[in-house]
Amino acid sequence: MSLASAAFGPRGFVPVPGANRWWTGDPETLPYFDPERGHPMIVAIRRLFTLEQCSILIEAANRLPTRRDANHFRDQRVQTPDHLPQEEHRVRSLMQQARLQIQLELIGQVRPPRRLWGDTVQLVRWDPGQSLDAHTDNLEPDGTPNATPHRAASAVVYLNDDYEGGETYFPGLGIRVKPEPGLAIAFGAGPSHVHGVTELKSGLRYMMAAWFTLDQREQDPAQYGVY
């Protein structure tokens, strides 16, 4: 198999026919993003969750059964809010509220061309050894759609920082993100925001992931749930 990578242009990465990687550089050479100063291509929300709320979600990620499949990266993903047990109403409520707040920030700061709908939201635990290569959330490096071509925006909310590695990086923006409990970052789902996660070397990494779409048909019906 070819190890060809997508090209990088003035507006970010550009898919290249036959490419199967977006980027092959070393993410640890990238400088850290400062959420206080911000970045014109990142929507950052500090203290989206309080430390107490982060602890509630971490406890839930450890307590609830995980969904396993053939993809090792997804082995530790907890079901979306509508699949959580009814008694987990506080966890469901926190996830729903966070998704809505991120959605409102995206609408206010990015001003999408049409209505932005909530897509999947997940509570995730990462174990040592897990990583994620540079990718987009709606397109393959060769320009073909991936499994979720409808996604327009993505978000990550960090719940803890007591681990080594596991840093989100954006090679096209030239930054990586130092985890901070309660920090949310939201960004485009396409080639303008190619991103990955460095290998988790030690500890456990807890986070909430959310996605958004401009396609009403792909919206998550559970986004309207009240818990």
C-alpha atoms as a PDB file:
ATOM      1  CA  MET A   1       0.000   0.000   0.000  1.00  0.00           C
ATOM      2  CA  SER A   2       1.275   3.482  -0.832  1.00  0.00           C
ATOM      3  CA  LEU A   3       2.171   5.790   2.031  1.00  0.00           C
ATOM      4  CA  ALA A   4       1.390   8.899  -0.001  1.00  0.00           C
ATOM      5  CA  SER A   5       0.038  11.840   2.004  1.00  0.00           C
ATOM      6  CA  ALA A   6      -2.432  14.538   1.087  1.00  0.00           C
ATOM      7  CA  ALA A   7      -0.993  17.862  -0.035  1.00  0.00           C
ATOM      8  CA  PHE A   8      -0.854  20.966   2.132  1.00  0.00           C
ATOM      9  CA  GLY A   9      -1.864  24.267   0.584  1.00  0.00           C
ATOM     10  CA  PRO A  10      -2.468  27.865   1.720  1.00  0.00           C
ATOM     11  CA  ARG A  11      -5.973  26.990   2.935  1.00  0.00           C
ATOM     12  CA  GLY A  12      -5.091  23.734   4.634  1.00  0.00           C
ATOM     13  CA  PHE A  13      -4.789  20.179   3.464  1.00  0.00           C
ATOM     14  CA  VAL A  14      -5.983  19.174   0.010  1.00  0.00           C
ATOM     15  CA  PRO A  15      -6.997  15.566  -0.783  1.00  0.00           C
ATOM     16  CA  VAL A  16      -4.805  13.790  -3.300  1.00  0.00           C
ATOM     17  CA  PRO A  17      -5.974  10.769  -5.354  1.00  0.00           C
ATOM     18  CA  GLY A  18      -4.290   7.642  -4.032  1.00  0.00           C
ATOM     19  CA  ALA A  19      -3.289   9.220  -0.713  1.00  0.00           C
ATOM     20  CA  ASN A  20      -4.059   7.277   2.460  1.00  0.00           C
ATOM     21  CA  ARG A  21      -2.646   9.681   5.033  1.00  0.00           C
ATOM     22  CA  TRP A  22      -3.308  13.314   5.734  1.00  0.00           C
ATOM     23  CA  TRP A  23      -0.022  14.015   7.505  1.00  0.00           C
ATOM     24  CA  THR A  24       3.027  12.073   8.669  1.00  0.00           C
ATOM     25  CA  GLY A  25       4.949  14.630  10.696  1.00  0.00           C
ATOM     26  CA  ASP A  26       5.827  14.677  14.386  1.00  0.00           C
ATOM     27  CA  PRO A  27       3.034  16.313  16.445  1.00  0.00           C
ATOM     28  CA  GLU A  28       5.341  16.820  19.419  1.00  0.00           C
ATOM     29  CA  THR A  29       7.149  19.530  17.463  1.00  0.00           C
ATOM     30  CA  LEU A  30       3.992  21.660  17.363  1.00  0.00           C
ATOM     31  CA  PRO A  31       3.624  24.492  19.903  1.00  0.00           C
ATOM     32  CA  TYR A  32       0.812  24.456  22.428  1.00  0.00           C
ATOM     33  CA  PHE A  33      -2.433  26.299  21.809  1.00  0.00           C
ATOM     34  CA  ASP A  34      -3.208  28.970  24.436  1.00  0.00           C
ATOM     35  CA  PRO A  35      -6.965  28.899  25.149  1.00  0.00           C
ATOM     36  CA  GLU A  36      -6.711  32.284  26.864  1.00  0.00           C
ATOM     37  CA  ARG A  37      -5.338  33.967  23.743  1.00  0.00           C
ATOM     38  CA  GLY A  38      -7.439  31.821  21.420  1.00  0.00           C
ATOM     39  CA  HIS A  39      -6.975  30.962  17.760  1.00  0.00           C
ATOM     40  CA  PRO A  40      -8.966  32.330  14.787  1.00  0.00           C
ATOM     41  CA  MET A  41      -9.701  28.786  13.574  1.00  0.00           C
ATOM     42  CA  ILE A  42     -10.707  27.265  16.928  1.00  0.00           C
ATOM     43  CA  VAL A  43     -13.751  27.937  19.113  1.00  0.00           C
ATOM     44  CA  ALA A  44     -12.551  27.503  22.691  1.00  0.00           C
ATOM     45  CA  ILE A  45     -14.740  27.438  25.802  1.00  0.00           C
ATOM     46  CA  ARG A  46     -12.959  27.248  29.128  1.00  0.00           C
ATOM     47  CA  ARG A  47     -14.722  25.750  32.147  1.00  0.00           C
ATOM     48  CA  LEU A  48     -17.592  24.346  30.106  1.00  0.00           C
ATOM     49  CA  PHE A  49     -17.755  21.779  32.907  1.00  0.00           C
ATOM     50  CA  THR A  50     -16.831  22.438  36.529  1.00  0.00           C
ATOM     51  CA  LEU A  51     -14.359  20.077  38.203  1.00  0.00           C
ATOM     52  CA  GLU A  52     -17.280  18.448  40.001  1.00  0.00           C
ATOM     53  CA  GLN A  53     -19.114  17.869  36.729  1.00  0.00           C
ATOM     54  CA  CYS A  54     -15.952  16.454  35.162  1.00  0.00           C
ATOM     55  CA  SER A  55     -15.735  13.993  38.073  1.00  0.00           C
ATOM     56  CA  ILE A  56     -19.359  12.948  37.573  1.00  0.00           C
ATOM     57  CA  LEU A  57     -18.721  12.137  33.914  1.00  0.00           C
ATOM     58  CA  ILE A  58     -15.443  10.340  34.657  1.00  0.00           C
ATOM     59  CA  GLU A  59     -17.167   8.170  37.256  1.00  0.00           C
ATOM     60  CA  ALA A  60     -19.864   7.362  34.713  1.00  0.00           C
ATOM     61  CA  ALA A  61     -17.266   6.432  32.072  1.00  0.00           C
ATOM     62  CA  ASN A  62     -15.772   3.951  34.556  1.00  0.00           C
ATOM     63  CA  ARG A  63     -19.083   2.635  35.837  1.00  0.00           C
ATOM     64  CA  LEU A  64     -21.084   2.117  32.672  1.00  0.00           C
ATOM     65  CA  PRO A  65     -20.609  -0.795  30.257  1.00  0.00           C
ATOM     66  CA  THR A  66     -18.586   0.023  27.167  1.00  0.00           C
ATOM     67  CA  ARG A  67     -19.520  -0.691  23.574  1.00  0.00           C
ATOM     68  CA  ARG A  68     -16.937  -2.795  21.790  1.00  0.00           C
ATOM     69  CA  ASP A  69     -16.411  -3.373  18.092  1.00  0.00           C
ATOM     70  CA  ALA A  70     -13.676  -4.343  15.672  1.00  0.00           C
ATOM     71  CA  ASN A  71     -12.173  -0.847  15.762  1.00  0.00           C
ATOM     72  CA  HIS A  72      -9.745  -0.736  18.707  1.00  0.00           C
ATOM     73  CA  PHE A  73     -10.071   3.048  18.969  1.00  0.00           C
ATOM     74  CA  ARG A  74     -13.784   2.734  19.687  1.00  0.00           C
ATOM     75  CA  ASP A  75     -13.406  -0.026  22.257  1.00  0.00           C
ATOM     76  CA  GLN A  76     -13.893   2.335  25.194  1.00  0.00           C
ATOM     77  CA  ARG A  77     -16.696   4.480  23.840  1.00  0.00           C
ATOM     78  CA  VAL A  78     -19.760   4.728  26.051  1.00  0.00           C
ATOM     79  CA  GLN A  79     -23.159   4.860  24.399  1.00  0.00           C
ATOM     80  CA  THR A  80     -24.747   8.189  23.513  1.00  0.00           C
ATOM     81  CA  PRO A  81     -27.138   9.815  26.050  1.00  0.00           C
ATOM     82  CA  ASP A  82     -30.251   8.116  24.680  1.00  0.00           C
ATOM     83  CA  HIS A  83     -28.628   4.707  25.230  1.00  0.00           C
ATOM     84  CA  LEU A  84     -27.583   5.349  28.814  1.00  0.00           C
ATOM     85  CA  PRO A  85     -29.688   3.787  31.595  1.00  0.00           C
ATOM     86  CA  GLN A  86     -32.608   5.943  32.700  1.00  0.00           C
ATOM     87  CA  GLU A  87     -31.140   6.330  36.187  1.00  0.00           C
ATOM     88  CA  GLU A  88     -28.142   8.119  34.680  1.00  0.00           C
ATOM     89  CA  HIS A  89     -30.239  11.240  34.178  1.00  0.00           C
ATOM     90  CA  ARG A  90     -27.574  13.642  35.501  1.00  0.00           C
ATOM     91  CA  VAL A  91     -24.949  12.284  33.119  1.00  0.00           C
ATOM     92  CA  ARG A  92     -27.389  12.503  30.229  1.00  0.00           C
ATOM     93  CA  SER A  93     -28.312  16.060  31.197  1.00  0.00           C
ATOM     94  CA  LEU A  94     -24.680  17.216  31.411  1.00  0.00           C
ATOM     95  CA  MET A  95     -23.885  15.792  27.985  1.00  0.00           C
ATOM     96  CA  GLN A  96     -26.985  17.335  26.421  1.00  0.00           C
ATOM     97  CA  GLN A  97     -26.360  20.745  27.959  1.00  0.00           C
ATOM     98  CA  ALA A  98     -22.714  20.759  26.875  1.00  0.00           C
ATOM     99  CA  ARG A  99     -23.613  19.842  23.301  1.00  0.00           C
ATOM    100  CA  LEU A 100     -26.166  22.656  23.170  1.00  0.00           C
ATOM    101  CA  GLN A 101     -23.759  25.224  24.580  1.00  0.00           C
ATOM    102  CA  ILE A 102     -21.075  24.258  22.055  1.00  0.00           C
ATOM    103  CA  GLN A 103     -23.651  24.397  19.270  1.00  0.00           C
ATOM    104  CA  LEU A 104     -24.691  27.920  20.290  1.00  0.00           C
ATOM    105  CA  GLU A 105     -21.048  29.056  20.428  1.00  0.00           C
ATOM    106  CA  LEU A 106     -20.428  27.664  16.939  1.00  0.00           C
ATOM    107  CA  ILE A 107     -23.506  29.429  15.593  1.00  0.00           C
ATOM    108  CA  GLY A 108     -22.520  32.697  17.227  1.00  0.00           C
ATOM    109  CA  GLN A 109     -18.843  32.692  16.279  1.00  0.00           C
ATOM    110  CA  VAL A 110     -18.726  30.803  12.974  1.00  0.00           C
ATOM    111  CA  ARG A 111     -22.141  31.778  11.578  1.00  0.00           C
ATOM    112  CA  PRO A 112     -22.771  28.646   9.467  1.00  0.00           C
ATOM    113  CA  PRO A 113     -24.576  29.146   6.135  1.00  0.00           C
ATOM    114  CA  ARG A 114     -27.679  27.334   7.354  1.00  0.00           C
ATOM    115  CA  ARG A 115     -29.042  25.749  10.508  1.00  0.00           C
ATOM    116  CA  LEU A 116     -26.583  23.674  12.503  1.00  0.00           C
ATOM    117  CA  TRP A 117     -27.949  20.458  13.990  1.00  0.00           C
ATOM    118  CA  GLY A 118     -26.612  18.335  16.811  1.00  0.00           C
ATOM    119  CA  ASP A 119     -25.146  15.003  15.730  1.00  0.00           C
ATOM    120  CA  THR A 120     -23.646  12.293  17.940  1.00  0.00           C
ATOM    121  CA  VAL A 121     -22.277  13.016  21.406  1.00  0.00           C
ATOM    122  CA  GLN A 122     -20.197  10.430  23.261  1.00  0.00           C
ATOM    123  CA  LEU A 123     -18.409   9.980  26.555  1.00  0.00           C
ATOM    124  CA  VAL A 124     -15.016   8.383  25.931  1.00  0.00           C
ATOM    125  CA  ARG A 125     -12.296   6.728  28.004  1.00  0.00           C
ATOM    126  CA  TRP A 126      -8.879   6.116  26.450  1.00  0.00           C
ATOM    127  CA  ASP A 127      -6.431   3.527  27.732  1.00  0.00           C
ATOM    128  CA  PRO A 128      -2.606   3.620  27.470  1.00  0.00           C
ATOM    129  CA  GLY A 129      -1.350   2.758  23.994  1.00  0.00           C
ATOM    130  CA  GLN A 130      -4.322   4.269  22.152  1.00  0.00           C
ATOM    131  CA  SER A 131      -3.768   7.038  19.603  1.00  0.00           C
ATOM    132  CA  LEU A 132      -5.450   8.479  16.542  1.00  0.00           C
ATOM    133  CA  ASP A 133      -3.683   9.356  13.293  1.00  0.00           C
ATOM    134  CA  ALA A 134      -4.245  12.712  11.637  1.00  0.00           C
ATOM    135  CA  HIS A 135      -7.689  12.635   9.999  1.00  0.00           C
ATOM    136  CA  THR A 136     -10.795  14.642   9.226  1.00  0.00           C
ATOM    137  CA  ASP A 137     -14.280  13.734  10.385  1.00  0.00           C
ATOM    138  CA  ASN A 138     -15.930  13.764   6.966  1.00  0.00           C
ATOM    139  CA  LEU A 139     -13.364  12.941   4.258  1.00  0.00           C
ATOM    140  CA  GLU A 140     -10.582  10.502   3.417  1.00  0.00           C
ATOM    141  CA  PRO A 141      -7.112  11.736   2.308  1.00  0.00           C
ATOM    142  CA  ASP A 142      -7.827  10.670  -1.270  1.00  0.00           C
ATOM    143  CA  GLY A 143     -10.966  12.818  -1.429  1.00  0.00           C
ATOM    144  CA  THR A 144     -13.557  10.077  -1.008  1.00  0.00           C
ATOM    145  CA  PRO A 145     -16.234  10.462   1.696  1.00  0.00           C
ATOM    146  CA  ASN A 146     -15.610   8.615   4.933  1.00  0.00           C
ATOM    147  CA  ALA A 147     -18.289   6.932   7.065  1.00  0.00           C
ATOM    148  CA  THR A 148     -19.654  10.296   8.281  1.00  0.00           C
ATOM    149  CA  PRO A 149     -19.537  12.698   5.301  1.00  0.00           C
ATOM    150  CA  HIS A 150     -22.446  14.738   6.725  1.00  0.00           C
ATOM    151  CA  ARG A 151     -20.433  16.133   9.638  1.00  0.00           C
ATOM    152  CA  ALA A 152     -19.692  19.858   9.484  1.00  0.00           C
ATOM    153  CA  ALA A 153     -18.125  20.534  12.884  1.00  0.00           C
ATOM    154  CA  SER A 154     -16.522  18.591  15.709  1.00  0.00           C
ATOM    155  CA  ALA A 155     -15.831  19.249  19.377  1.00  0.00           C
ATOM    156  CA  VAL A 156     -13.787  17.797  22.207  1.00  0.00           C
ATOM    157  CA  VAL A 157     -14.311  18.484  25.900  1.00  0.00           C
ATOM    158  CA  TYR A 158     -11.466  17.453  28.202  1.00  0.00           C
ATOM    159  CA  LEU A 159     -12.437  15.981  31.571  1.00  0.00           C
ATOM    160  CA  ASN A 160      -9.007  15.390  33.126  1.00  0.00           C
ATOM    161  CA  ASP A 161      -5.325  16.138  32.631  1.00  0.00           C
ATOM    162  CA  ASP A 162      -3.583  13.599  34.890  1.00  0.00           C
ATOM    163  CA  TYR A 163      -2.095  11.537  32.080  1.00  0.00           C
ATOM    164  CA  GLU A 164       0.889  11.622  29.761  1.00  0.00           C
ATOM    165  CA  GLY A 165       0.446  11.933  26.009  1.00  0.00           C
ATOM    166  CA  GLY A 166      -3.026  11.862  24.477  1.00  0.00           C
ATOM    167  CA  GLU A 167      -2.759  15.402  23.080  1.00  0.00           C
ATOM    168  CA  THR A 168      -4.989  16.650  20.278  1.00  0.00           C
ATOM    169  CA  TYR A 169      -2.976  18.216  17.461  1.00  0.00           C
ATOM    170  CA  PHE A 170      -3.773  20.198  14.322  1.00  0.00           C
ATOM    171  CA  PRO A 171      -0.867  20.054  11.851  1.00  0.00           C
ATOM    172  CA  GLY A 172      -2.516  22.460   9.413  1.00  0.00           C
ATOM    173  CA  LEU A 173      -2.952  25.054  12.160  1.00  0.00           C
ATOM    174  CA  GLY A 174       0.469  24.317  13.612  1.00  0.00           C
ATOM    175  CA  ILE A 175      -0.769  23.700  17.163  1.00  0.00           C
ATOM    176  CA  ARG A 176      -1.445  21.009  19.724  1.00  0.00           C
ATOM    177  CA  VAL A 177      -3.720  21.246  22.744  1.00  0.00           C
ATOM    178  CA  LYS A 178      -2.656  20.723  26.345  1.00  0.00           C
ATOM    179  CA  PRO A 179      -5.623  19.097  28.144  1.00  0.00           C
ATOM    180  CA  GLU A 180      -7.409  21.187  30.739  1.00  0.00           C
ATOM    181  CA  PRO A 181     -10.403  19.849  32.703  1.00  0.00           C
ATOM    182  CA  GLY A 182     -13.559  21.549  31.463  1.00  0.00           C
ATOM    183  CA  LEU A 183     -11.949  22.981  28.309  1.00  0.00           C
ATOM    184  CA  ALA A 184     -13.958  22.549  25.106  1.00  0.00           C
ATOM    185  CA  ILE A 185     -12.578  23.101  21.617  1.00  0.00           C
ATOM    186  CA  ALA A 186     -14.760  23.093  18.514  1.00  0.00           C
ATOM    187  CA  PHE A 187     -13.583  23.144  14.907  1.00  0.00           C
ATOM    188  CA  GLY A 188     -14.459  22.272  11.324  1.00  0.00           C
ATOM    189  CA  ALA A 189     -14.884  18.608  10.445  1.00  0.00           C
ATOM    190  CA  GLY A 190     -13.103  18.823   7.073  1.00  0.00           C
ATOM    191  CA  PRO A 191      -9.587  19.317   5.623  1.00  0.00           C
ATOM    192  CA  SER A 192      -9.225  22.785   7.151  1.00  0.00           C
ATOM    193  CA  HIS A 193      -8.947  21.065  10.539  1.00  0.00           C
ATOM    194  CA  VAL A 194      -7.026  17.835  10.026  1.00  0.00           C
ATOM    195  CA  HIS A 195      -6.400  16.583  13.553  1.00  0.00           C
ATOM    196  CA  GLY A 196      -5.157  13.594  15.505  1.00  0.00           C
ATOM    197  CA  VAL A 197      -4.301  12.429  19.018  1.00  0.00           C
ATOM    198  CA  THR A 198      -0.819  11.444  20.160  1.00  0.00           C
ATOM    199  CA  GLU A 199      -0.309   8.098  21.860  1.00  0.00           C
ATOM    200  CA  LEU A 200      -1.515   7.931  25.430  1.00  0.00           C
ATOM    201  CA  LYS A 201       1.639   6.889  27.299  1.00  0.00           C
ATOM    202  CA  SER A 202       0.303   6.564  30.852  1.00  0.00           C
ATOM    203  CA  GLY A 203      -2.853   7.196  32.831  1.00  0.00           C
ATOM    204  CA  LEU A 204      -6.426   7.273  31.558  1.00  0.00           C
ATOM    205  CA  ARG A 205      -7.798   9.984  29.276  1.00  0.00           C
ATOM    206  CA  TYR A 206     -11.429  10.999  29.658  1.00  0.00           C
ATOM    207  CA  MET A 207     -13.265  13.291  27.275  1.00  0.00           C
ATOM    208  CA  MET A 208     -16.589  14.033  25.648  1.00  0.00           C
ATOM    209  CA  ALA A 209     -16.777  14.145  21.863  1.00  0.00           C
ATOM    210  CA  ALA A 210     -19.542  15.842  19.887  1.00  0.00           C
ATOM    211  CA  TRP A 211     -20.272  16.434  16.226  1.00  0.00           C
ATOM    212  CA  PHE A 212     -22.612  18.738  14.342  1.00  0.00           C
ATOM    213  CA  THR A 213     -24.183  18.687  10.889  1.00  0.00           C
ATOM    214  CA  LEU A 214     -25.870  20.985   8.395  1.00  0.00           C
ATOM    215  CA  ASP A 215     -27.972  18.064   7.145  1.00  0.00           C
ATOM    216  CA  GLN A 216     -31.261  17.906   9.041  1.00  0.00           C
ATOM    217  CA  ARG A 217     -31.685  14.264   8.044  1.00  0.00           C
ATOM    218  CA  GLU A 218     -28.565  13.365  10.048  1.00  0.00           C
ATOM    219  CA  GLN A 219     -29.483  15.162  13.245  1.00  0.00           C
ATOM    220  CA  ASP A 220     -29.578  13.245  16.524  1.00  0.00           C
ATOM    221  CA  PRO A 221     -33.236  13.014  17.685  1.00  0.00           C
ATOM    222  CA  ALA A 222     -31.956  12.647  21.252  1.00  0.00           C
ATOM    223  CA  GLN A 223     -30.675  16.253  21.212  1.00  0.00           C
ATOM    224  CA  TYR A 224     -34.186  17.338  22.168  1.00  0.00           C
ATOM    225  CA  GLY A 225     -34.437  14.987  25.116  1.00  0.00           C
ATOM    226  CA  VAL A 226     -35.038  16.483  28.563  1.00  0.00           C
ATOM    227  CA  TYR A 227     -33.529  14.557  31.465  1.00  0.00           C
END
